Every structure is written in C-alpha cells, then in structure tokens.
N, C-alpha and C. Protein backbone atom coordinates (compact mmCIF):
# COMPACT_ATOMS: atom_id res chain seq x y z
N UNK A 1 12.79 -10.93 -14.67
CA UNK A 1 12.13 -10.55 -13.18
C UNK A 1 11.27 -12.53 -13.34
N UNK A 2 10.64 -12.62 -14.32
CA UNK A 2 9.69 -13.88 -14.35
C UNK A 2 11.23 -15.04 -13.89
N UNK A 3 11.87 -14.99 -14.55
CA UNK A 3 13.14 -15.95 -14.34
C UNK A 3 13.47 -15.90 -12.73
N UNK A 4 13.77 -14.92 -12.61
CA UNK A 4 14.39 -15.12 -11.14
C UNK A 4 13.35 -15.32 -9.97
N UNK A 5 12.11 -15.05 -10.18
CA UNK A 5 10.95 -15.33 -9.14
C UNK A 5 11.01 -16.66 -9.57
N UNK A 6 11.00 -17.92 -10.26
CA UNK A 6 11.03 -18.67 -10.81
C UNK A 6 12.20 -19.69 -9.28
N UNK A 7 13.08 -18.98 -10.02
CA UNK A 7 14.52 -19.53 -8.89
C UNK A 7 14.06 -19.43 -8.15
N UNK A 8 13.44 -18.54 -7.06
CA UNK A 8 13.27 -18.24 -6.19
C UNK A 8 12.45 -18.77 -5.68
N UNK A 9 11.23 -19.64 -6.19
CA UNK A 9 10.04 -20.28 -5.61
C UNK A 9 10.66 -21.78 -5.51
N UNK A 10 11.67 -21.68 -6.53
CA UNK A 10 12.03 -23.42 -7.05
C UNK A 10 13.17 -23.87 -5.39
N UNK A 11 13.98 -22.31 -4.83
CA UNK A 11 14.54 -22.48 -3.76
C UNK A 11 13.74 -22.73 -2.61
N UNK A 12 13.13 -21.67 -2.27
CA UNK A 12 11.91 -21.63 -1.23
C UNK A 12 11.41 -23.05 -1.29
N UNK A 13 10.94 -23.81 -2.08
CA UNK A 13 10.40 -24.95 -2.17
C UNK A 13 11.49 -25.88 -1.89
N UNK A 14 12.78 -25.82 -2.14
CA UNK A 14 13.62 -26.95 -1.62
C UNK A 14 13.77 -26.82 -0.18
N UNK A 15 14.15 -25.61 0.40
CA UNK A 15 14.27 -25.63 1.70
C UNK A 15 13.32 -25.56 2.02
N UNK A 16 11.95 -25.82 1.96
CA UNK A 16 10.63 -25.78 2.71
C UNK A 16 10.87 -27.28 3.22
N UNK A 17 11.03 -27.95 2.27
CA UNK A 17 10.93 -29.49 2.63
C UNK A 17 12.32 -30.23 3.61
N UNK A 18 12.98 -29.44 3.51
CA UNK A 18 13.87 -29.71 4.48
C UNK A 18 13.33 -29.95 6.10
N UNK A 19 13.56 -31.24 6.35
CA UNK A 19 12.74 -31.70 7.54
C UNK A 19 14.13 -31.85 8.82
N UNK A 20 14.36 -30.96 9.45
CA UNK A 20 15.62 -31.94 10.72
C UNK A 20 14.77 -32.78 10.94
N UNK A 21 13.78 -32.75 11.58
CA UNK A 21 13.32 -34.24 12.50
C UNK A 21 13.82 -35.10 12.01
N UNK A 22 13.34 -35.45 10.48
CA UNK A 22 13.51 -36.92 9.84
C UNK A 22 14.80 -36.92 9.42
N UNK A 23 15.88 -36.00 9.01
CA UNK A 23 17.04 -36.20 8.74
C UNK A 23 17.54 -36.52 9.62
N UNK A 24 17.56 -36.15 10.89
CA UNK A 24 18.07 -36.67 11.97
C UNK A 24 17.75 -38.00 13.07
N UNK A 25 16.60 -38.52 12.41
CA UNK A 25 16.19 -39.71 13.14
C UNK A 25 17.03 -40.56 13.43
N UNK A 26 18.34 -41.13 12.30
CA UNK A 26 18.87 -41.91 12.93
C UNK A 26 19.93 -41.58 13.75
N UNK A 27 20.14 -40.07 13.89
CA UNK A 27 21.41 -40.20 14.93
C UNK A 27 20.77 -40.43 16.15
N UNK A 28 19.62 -40.06 16.19
CA UNK A 28 18.59 -39.87 17.49
C UNK A 28 18.38 -41.37 18.05
N UNK A 29 18.36 -42.68 16.72
CA UNK A 29 18.31 -44.07 17.00
C UNK A 29 19.77 -44.41 17.69
N UNK A 30 20.15 -43.91 17.20
CA UNK A 30 21.94 -44.40 17.57
C UNK A 30 22.13 -43.81 18.99
N UNK A 31 21.89 -42.86 19.35
CA UNK A 31 22.14 -42.36 21.01
C UNK A 31 21.13 -43.08 21.75
N UNK A 32 19.73 -43.44 21.07
CA UNK A 32 19.21 -43.95 22.32
C UNK A 32 19.23 -45.66 22.57
N UNK A 33 20.47 -46.20 21.87
CA UNK A 33 21.24 -47.56 21.80
C UNK A 33 22.30 -47.49 22.84
N UNK A 34 22.80 -46.17 23.26
CA UNK A 34 23.95 -46.06 24.03
C UNK A 34 23.49 -46.11 25.28
N UNK A 35 24.61 -46.63 26.07
CA UNK A 35 24.23 -47.06 27.46
C UNK A 35 25.03 -45.89 28.47
N UNK A 36 24.54 -44.91 29.14
CA UNK A 36 25.48 -44.59 30.36
C UNK A 36 25.08 -44.46 31.73
N UNK A 37 25.76 -44.59 32.41
CA UNK A 37 25.19 -44.53 33.59
C UNK A 37 25.10 -43.60 34.23
N UNK A 38 23.79 -43.33 35.03
CA UNK A 38 23.39 -42.05 35.69
C UNK A 38 22.39 -41.31 34.41
N UNK A 39 22.28 -42.15 33.06
CA UNK A 39 21.77 -40.91 32.27
C UNK A 39 20.54 -41.65 31.81
N UNK A 40 19.61 -41.15 31.63
CA UNK A 40 18.65 -41.57 31.18
C UNK A 40 18.14 -41.57 29.52
N UNK A 41 18.75 -42.27 28.74
CA UNK A 41 19.24 -41.68 27.32
C UNK A 41 17.28 -41.87 26.58
N UNK A 42 16.92 -42.48 27.05
CA UNK A 42 14.73 -42.48 26.46
C UNK A 42 14.68 -40.84 26.80
N UNK A 43 14.92 -39.86 28.03
CA UNK A 43 14.66 -38.82 28.27
C UNK A 43 15.30 -38.11 27.36
N UNK A 44 16.70 -38.30 27.17
CA UNK A 44 17.98 -37.78 26.12
C UNK A 44 17.51 -37.26 24.89
N UNK A 45 17.01 -38.40 24.60
CA UNK A 45 16.81 -38.77 22.62
C UNK A 45 15.26 -38.03 22.78
N UNK A 46 14.00 -38.04 23.77
CA UNK A 46 13.03 -37.50 23.75
C UNK A 46 12.64 -36.04 23.53
N UNK A 47 14.06 -35.54 24.35
CA UNK A 47 14.71 -34.11 24.25
C UNK A 47 15.07 -33.39 23.50
N UNK A 48 16.10 -34.27 22.91
CA UNK A 48 16.63 -34.03 21.63
C UNK A 48 15.64 -34.07 21.18
N UNK A 49 14.48 -34.81 20.68
CA UNK A 49 13.69 -35.30 19.44
C UNK A 49 12.85 -33.38 19.30
N UNK A 50 12.58 -33.41 20.77
CA UNK A 50 11.73 -31.90 20.46
C UNK A 50 12.23 -30.81 20.42
N UNK A 51 13.85 -30.87 20.68
CA UNK A 51 14.80 -29.64 20.52
C UNK A 51 13.86 -29.77 18.78
N UNK A 52 14.86 -30.81 18.31
CA UNK A 52 14.99 -30.46 16.63
C UNK A 52 13.57 -30.10 15.97
N UNK A 53 12.75 -30.53 16.70
CA UNK A 53 11.24 -30.23 16.27
C UNK A 53 10.91 -28.56 16.19
N UNK A 54 11.27 -27.73 17.37
CA UNK A 54 11.22 -26.73 17.78
C UNK A 54 12.16 -25.90 16.99
N UNK A 55 13.48 -26.57 16.10
CA UNK A 55 14.27 -25.70 15.40
C UNK A 55 13.70 -25.96 14.20
N UNK A 56 13.08 -27.07 13.37
CA UNK A 56 12.38 -27.01 12.38
C UNK A 56 10.84 -26.43 12.17
N UNK A 57 10.55 -25.86 13.80
CA UNK A 57 9.46 -24.80 13.43
C UNK A 57 9.76 -23.30 13.11
N UNK A 58 11.26 -23.15 13.70
CA UNK A 58 12.01 -21.93 13.95
C UNK A 58 12.25 -21.67 12.36
N UNK A 59 12.84 -22.98 11.80
CA UNK A 59 13.10 -22.63 10.12
C UNK A 59 12.24 -22.41 9.35
N UNK A 60 10.98 -22.85 9.60
CA UNK A 60 10.17 -22.77 8.97
C UNK A 60 9.49 -21.58 8.78
N UNK A 61 8.99 -20.91 9.82
CA UNK A 61 8.61 -19.52 10.02
C UNK A 61 10.20 -18.36 9.48
N UNK A 62 11.14 -18.50 9.45
CA UNK A 62 12.23 -17.84 8.82
C UNK A 62 11.70 -18.13 7.34
N UNK A 63 11.18 -19.20 6.95
CA UNK A 63 11.57 -19.29 5.43
C UNK A 63 10.03 -18.58 4.92
N UNK A 64 9.30 -19.19 5.63
CA UNK A 64 8.06 -17.79 5.62
C UNK A 64 8.23 -16.46 5.37
N UNK A 65 8.84 -16.07 6.23
CA UNK A 65 9.06 -14.52 6.37
C UNK A 65 10.02 -14.26 5.26
N UNK A 66 11.35 -15.16 4.48
CA UNK A 66 12.02 -15.06 3.40
C UNK A 66 11.13 -14.79 2.29
N UNK A 67 9.88 -15.67 1.89
CA UNK A 67 9.51 -16.07 1.19
C UNK A 67 8.01 -14.61 1.11
N UNK A 68 7.59 -14.20 1.88
CA UNK A 68 7.31 -12.67 2.63
C UNK A 68 8.06 -11.95 1.41
N UNK A 69 9.00 -11.59 1.99
CA UNK A 69 9.93 -10.59 1.70
C UNK A 69 10.10 -10.76 -0.03
N UNK A 70 10.05 -11.51 -0.16
CA UNK A 70 10.24 -12.01 -1.97
C UNK A 70 9.62 -11.71 -2.64
N UNK A 71 8.16 -11.89 -2.19
CA UNK A 71 6.57 -11.56 -2.73
C UNK A 71 6.72 -10.43 -2.19
N UNK A 72 7.20 -9.54 -1.37
CA UNK A 72 7.08 -8.12 -1.15
C UNK A 72 7.86 -7.59 -2.26
N UNK A 73 9.27 -7.56 -2.64
CA UNK A 73 9.85 -7.45 -3.50
C UNK A 73 9.21 -7.47 -5.10
N UNK A 74 9.06 -8.23 -5.27
CA UNK A 74 7.95 -8.73 -6.83
C UNK A 74 7.20 -7.46 -6.94
N UNK A 75 5.96 -7.87 -5.85
CA UNK A 75 5.31 -6.79 -5.83
C UNK A 75 5.68 -5.06 -6.12
N UNK A 76 6.57 -4.87 -5.08
CA UNK A 76 7.51 -3.55 -5.19
C UNK A 76 7.76 -3.05 -6.79
N UNK A 77 8.52 -4.20 -7.36
CA UNK A 77 9.26 -3.94 -8.71
C UNK A 77 7.93 -3.51 -9.86
N UNK A 78 7.05 -4.26 -9.35
CA UNK A 78 5.64 -4.10 -10.49
C UNK A 78 5.32 -2.66 -10.08
N UNK A 79 5.50 -2.06 -9.29
CA UNK A 79 4.76 -1.03 -8.79
C UNK A 79 5.37 0.17 -9.05
N UNK A 80 6.58 -0.26 -9.14
CA UNK A 80 7.94 0.97 -9.20
C UNK A 80 7.89 0.75 -10.71
N UNK A 81 7.71 0.16 -11.88
CA UNK A 81 7.72 0.13 -12.91
C UNK A 81 6.69 0.91 -13.59
N UNK A 82 5.23 0.77 -12.81
CA UNK A 82 3.93 1.55 -13.23
C UNK A 82 4.51 2.74 -13.00
N UNK A 83 4.61 3.05 -11.73
CA UNK A 83 4.94 4.34 -11.23
C UNK A 83 5.88 5.30 -12.40
N UNK A 84 7.08 4.60 -12.73
CA UNK A 84 7.79 5.23 -13.38
C UNK A 84 7.70 5.40 -14.92
N UNK A 85 6.66 4.62 -15.71
CA UNK A 85 6.19 4.79 -16.84
C UNK A 85 5.28 5.63 -16.54
N UNK A 86 4.10 6.21 -15.46
CA UNK A 86 3.56 7.26 -15.50
C UNK A 86 4.15 8.38 -15.44
N UNK A 87 5.35 8.20 -14.73
CA UNK A 87 5.54 9.79 -13.90
C UNK A 87 6.88 10.53 -15.72
N UNK A 88 7.38 9.55 -16.21
CA UNK A 88 8.21 9.40 -17.69
C UNK A 88 6.84 10.16 -18.76
N UNK A 89 5.45 9.60 -18.45
CA UNK A 89 4.67 10.51 -19.52
C UNK A 89 4.54 11.65 -19.36
N UNK A 90 4.06 12.01 -17.46
CA UNK A 90 3.74 13.23 -17.18
C UNK A 90 5.10 14.21 -17.33
N UNK A 91 6.18 13.55 -17.23
CA UNK A 91 7.46 14.82 -17.37
C UNK A 91 7.36 15.04 -18.87
N UNK A 92 7.18 14.39 -20.14
CA UNK A 92 6.93 14.75 -21.40
C UNK A 92 6.01 15.39 -21.61
N UNK A 93 4.97 15.85 -20.89
CA UNK A 93 3.90 16.28 -21.67
C UNK A 93 4.18 17.62 -20.89
N UNK A 94 5.30 18.15 -19.66
CA UNK A 94 5.64 19.41 -19.43
C UNK A 94 5.90 20.15 -20.43
N UNK A 95 5.16 21.47 -20.48
CA UNK A 95 5.68 22.50 -21.49
C UNK A 95 7.01 23.18 -20.99
N UNK A 96 6.79 24.36 -20.35
CA UNK A 96 8.03 25.26 -19.98
C UNK A 96 9.17 24.60 -18.57
N UNK A 97 9.83 25.35 -19.20
CA UNK A 97 11.19 24.93 -18.08
C UNK A 97 10.67 24.72 -16.78
N UNK A 98 10.05 25.93 -16.17
CA UNK A 98 9.22 26.10 -14.97
C UNK A 98 8.40 24.90 -14.45
N UNK A 99 7.48 24.62 -15.41
CA UNK A 99 6.60 23.40 -15.52
C UNK A 99 7.21 21.98 -15.33
N UNK A 100 8.43 21.69 -15.71
CA UNK A 100 9.27 20.57 -15.56
C UNK A 100 10.12 20.48 -14.68
N UNK A 101 10.67 21.55 -13.88
CA UNK A 101 10.96 21.84 -12.62
C UNK A 101 9.90 21.39 -11.72
N UNK A 102 8.74 21.99 -11.46
CA UNK A 102 7.63 21.16 -10.72
C UNK A 102 7.07 20.21 -10.76
N UNK A 103 7.19 19.46 -11.72
CA UNK A 103 6.68 18.24 -12.35
C UNK A 103 8.11 17.06 -11.50
N UNK A 104 8.82 17.35 -12.10
CA UNK A 104 10.47 16.54 -11.41
C UNK A 104 10.39 16.71 -9.62
N UNK A 105 10.00 18.20 -9.51
CA UNK A 105 10.22 18.47 -7.85
C UNK A 105 8.89 17.00 -7.53
N UNK A 106 7.96 16.99 -7.73
CA UNK A 106 6.70 16.66 -7.20
C UNK A 106 6.94 15.06 -7.15
N UNK A 107 7.99 14.98 -8.29
CA UNK A 107 8.31 13.29 -8.58
C UNK A 107 9.24 12.71 -7.34
N UNK A 108 10.26 13.88 -7.41
CA UNK A 108 10.91 13.39 -6.48
C UNK A 108 10.51 13.75 -4.67
N UNK A 109 9.53 13.92 -4.33
CA UNK A 109 8.78 14.14 -3.08
C UNK A 109 7.86 12.94 -2.73
N UNK A 110 7.43 12.41 -4.34
CA UNK A 110 6.53 11.01 -4.02
C UNK A 110 7.27 10.22 -3.88
N UNK A 111 8.46 10.13 -4.54
CA UNK A 111 9.30 8.70 -4.40
C UNK A 111 10.22 8.94 -2.88
N UNK A 112 10.71 10.03 -2.38
CA UNK A 112 10.87 9.74 -1.36
C UNK A 112 10.15 9.26 0.03
N UNK A 113 8.42 9.70 -0.35
CA UNK A 113 7.59 9.37 0.43
C UNK A 113 7.31 7.71 0.53
N UNK A 114 7.44 7.39 -0.75
CA UNK A 114 6.73 5.82 -1.37
C UNK A 114 7.84 5.47 -0.76
N UNK A 115 9.43 5.40 -1.02
CA UNK A 115 10.24 5.19 -0.28
C UNK A 115 10.56 4.77 1.21
N UNK A 116 10.06 5.95 2.04
CA UNK A 116 9.96 5.81 3.57
C UNK A 116 8.70 4.48 4.03
N UNK A 117 7.78 4.91 3.43
CA UNK A 117 6.76 3.85 3.49
C UNK A 117 7.12 2.26 2.99
N UNK A 118 7.99 1.99 1.97
CA UNK A 118 8.19 1.16 1.64
C UNK A 118 8.95 0.31 2.40
N UNK A 119 10.03 1.20 3.25
CA UNK A 119 10.88 0.92 4.18
C UNK A 119 10.67 0.09 5.27
N UNK A 120 9.36 1.02 5.96
CA UNK A 120 8.61 0.42 6.79
C UNK A 120 7.73 -0.94 6.70
N UNK A 121 7.53 -1.10 5.26
CA UNK A 121 6.53 -2.11 5.23
C UNK A 121 7.28 -2.94 5.29
N UNK A 122 8.75 -3.48 4.88
CA UNK A 122 9.61 -4.31 5.39
C UNK A 122 9.96 -4.57 6.16
N UNK A 123 10.43 -3.66 7.24
CA UNK A 123 10.61 -3.72 8.29
C UNK A 123 9.56 -4.30 9.23
N UNK A 124 8.20 -3.95 8.88
CA UNK A 124 7.54 -5.05 9.71
C UNK A 124 7.65 -6.42 9.39
N UNK A 125 7.58 -6.91 7.94
CA UNK A 125 7.68 -8.17 7.44
C UNK A 125 8.82 -8.88 8.01
N UNK A 126 10.00 -8.19 8.21
CA UNK A 126 11.33 -9.14 8.84
C UNK A 126 10.89 -9.15 10.07
N UNK A 127 10.64 -7.78 11.19
CA UNK A 127 10.09 -7.75 12.34
C UNK A 127 9.56 -9.24 12.34
N UNK A 128 8.35 -9.16 11.76
CA UNK A 128 7.25 -10.57 12.34
C UNK A 128 7.87 -11.73 12.00
N UNK A 129 8.44 -11.85 11.32
CA UNK A 129 9.40 -13.29 10.73
C UNK A 129 9.90 -13.34 11.89
N UNK A 130 10.89 -12.72 12.34
CA UNK A 130 11.86 -12.70 13.46
C UNK A 130 11.58 -12.78 14.87
N UNK A 131 10.26 -12.76 14.66
CA UNK A 131 9.44 -12.92 16.26
C UNK A 131 8.95 -14.50 16.14
N UNK A 132 8.31 -14.75 15.24
CA UNK A 132 7.84 -15.83 14.94
C UNK A 132 8.74 -17.18 14.96
N UNK A 133 10.25 -17.05 14.25
CA UNK A 133 11.20 -17.67 14.66
C UNK A 133 11.28 -18.12 15.63
N UNK A 134 11.80 -16.60 16.65
CA UNK A 134 12.49 -16.67 17.88
C UNK A 134 11.41 -17.13 18.61
N UNK A 135 10.10 -17.00 18.37
CA UNK A 135 9.22 -17.82 19.86
C UNK A 135 8.93 -18.97 19.58
N UNK A 136 9.45 -19.49 18.46
CA UNK A 136 9.41 -21.22 18.58
C UNK A 136 10.87 -21.43 19.48
N UNK A 137 11.64 -20.98 19.40
CA UNK A 137 13.08 -21.31 20.26
C UNK A 137 12.88 -20.88 21.40
N UNK A 138 12.33 -20.04 22.00
CA UNK A 138 11.92 -19.36 23.10
C UNK A 138 10.77 -20.43 23.63
N UNK A 139 9.97 -20.59 23.27
CA UNK A 139 8.94 -21.95 23.89
C UNK A 139 9.51 -22.63 24.09
N UNK A 140 10.72 -23.70 23.42
CA UNK A 140 11.35 -24.87 24.03
C UNK A 140 12.47 -24.24 24.76
N UNK A 141 13.29 -23.35 25.13
CA UNK A 141 13.97 -23.22 26.18
C UNK A 141 14.10 -23.78 27.55
N UNK A 142 12.78 -23.11 28.37
CA UNK A 142 12.46 -23.29 29.45
C UNK A 142 12.17 -25.22 29.90
N UNK A 143 11.36 -25.65 28.57
CA UNK A 143 11.11 -26.97 28.19
C UNK A 143 12.29 -27.65 28.57
N UNK A 144 13.22 -27.25 27.85
CA UNK A 144 14.52 -27.98 27.72
C UNK A 144 14.96 -27.66 29.13
N UNK A 145 15.50 -26.67 29.51
CA UNK A 145 15.95 -26.59 30.94
C UNK A 145 15.30 -27.98 32.10
N UNK A 146 14.01 -27.88 31.37
CA UNK A 146 13.46 -28.94 32.57
C UNK A 146 13.76 -30.26 32.70
N UNK A 147 14.03 -30.87 30.91
CA UNK A 147 14.13 -32.08 30.60
C UNK A 147 15.63 -32.27 31.22
N UNK A 148 16.47 -31.58 31.60
CA UNK A 148 17.50 -31.69 31.98
C UNK A 148 17.19 -32.67 33.29
N UNK A 149 16.29 -32.60 34.20
CA UNK A 149 16.17 -33.26 35.26
C UNK A 149 15.98 -34.41 34.78
N UNK A 150 15.36 -34.63 33.86
CA UNK A 150 14.59 -36.25 33.63
C UNK A 150 16.09 -37.19 32.97
N UNK A 151 16.98 -36.04 32.28
CA UNK A 151 17.63 -37.04 31.54
C UNK A 151 19.11 -37.76 32.52
N UNK A 152 18.92 -37.17 33.84
CA UNK A 152 19.99 -37.26 34.60
C UNK A 152 19.62 -38.69 35.64
N UNK A 153 18.22 -38.52 35.41
CA UNK A 153 17.52 -39.72 36.43
C UNK A 153 17.99 -40.98 35.19
N UNK A 154 17.90 -42.37 36.06
CA UNK A 154 17.65 -43.64 35.90
C UNK A 154 16.44 -43.27 35.94
N UNK A 155 16.18 -44.83 34.39
CA UNK A 155 14.54 -44.99 34.13
C UNK A 155 14.18 -46.09 35.15
N UNK A 156 13.04 -46.10 35.68
CA UNK A 156 12.45 -47.11 36.55
C UNK A 156 12.47 -48.72 36.11
N UNK A 157 12.91 -49.03 37.38
CA UNK A 157 13.19 -50.56 37.22
C UNK A 157 14.67 -50.99 36.82
N UNK A 158 15.69 -49.84 36.91
CA UNK A 158 17.06 -50.47 36.17
C UNK A 158 17.95 -51.16 37.22
N UNK A 159 17.11 -51.20 38.28
CA UNK A 159 18.17 -51.57 39.45
C UNK A 159 18.41 -51.06 40.35
N UNK A 160 18.72 -49.84 39.98
CA UNK A 160 19.28 -48.67 40.98
C UNK A 160 18.21 -48.09 42.29
N UNK A 161 18.62 -47.78 43.31
CA UNK A 161 17.30 -47.48 44.51
C UNK A 161 17.41 -46.20 45.01
C-alpha cells in the first residue's frame, strides 16, 4: 500500500510540475513574429496565452481532484481493514449458529450502508473537481470570443486607415 501511495504521489507531483504556459512560450514567440495582413498578431498571441493559462488552471484543478480521490481511497482502505479486523473478531466470538447468522446479517447490513455512503462521498469529490476544472474553461470562453474582434484588427499605426 505504501509503495503504491508513494508512486501515486510521485506521479502527481510530476504532472503538477507541468506548466503548459511555460512549455508553449516558444510557440507563442514564433507566432508573434509572423505577419499576416488583417491580423493583429500581438492580440492573437495574447489571446492564446490567456487560453493556455486557463487550460493550465483547469488541469491543476483536475489534478487536485485526482489527488483528492487518491487520498480518499487510501483512507477508505485503512478504514475497511480496521472494520474487517473488528468484524472477524466479533464473528469468531459468536456461539450458536443463530448468533453467527445474526452477526453475519448485521455485518452485511453495515457493509452495504458503508458502501453507499462511500459512493456518495466519492461522487461529491469527483463532482467538485469537475466543476472547478470546467469553471476555468467556461470563464475563458466568453473572453476568448471577445478576443477574436481584437485579433482581426490591425494594430494602431500600421499605415492602414
């Protein structure tokens, strides 16, 4: 378990260190040097930079959600092992077959209730992560559409009237 947790932690750190805005800077600098008639390349580059920053923020939110799910699963495994150990201890203390059957029935009822609660918790974690990631993109879309007007304008002082 610890080995798997460490591997997940290492992978999470590696993914978190990826920054799309930094890795795309060369491409944006190249685009800035291209001259196209009727296109404001400075505005286009600025717009794409903002898009990349929004995508990076969405990726960071998704990564935080993945980490939360991993943490939750580790907690769940530890909790399950404690409960299983306690349940085995109780079953071994049962005397008659009727007492054993009653103990097994109670154990099954509790396991089902726990499974439902845990599924609800996981659902909430995933929903929250998805909402945070999609909010970053949704916030950028209207801004990006507004940027299109600026991209199709020539920069001031370009000689065109």
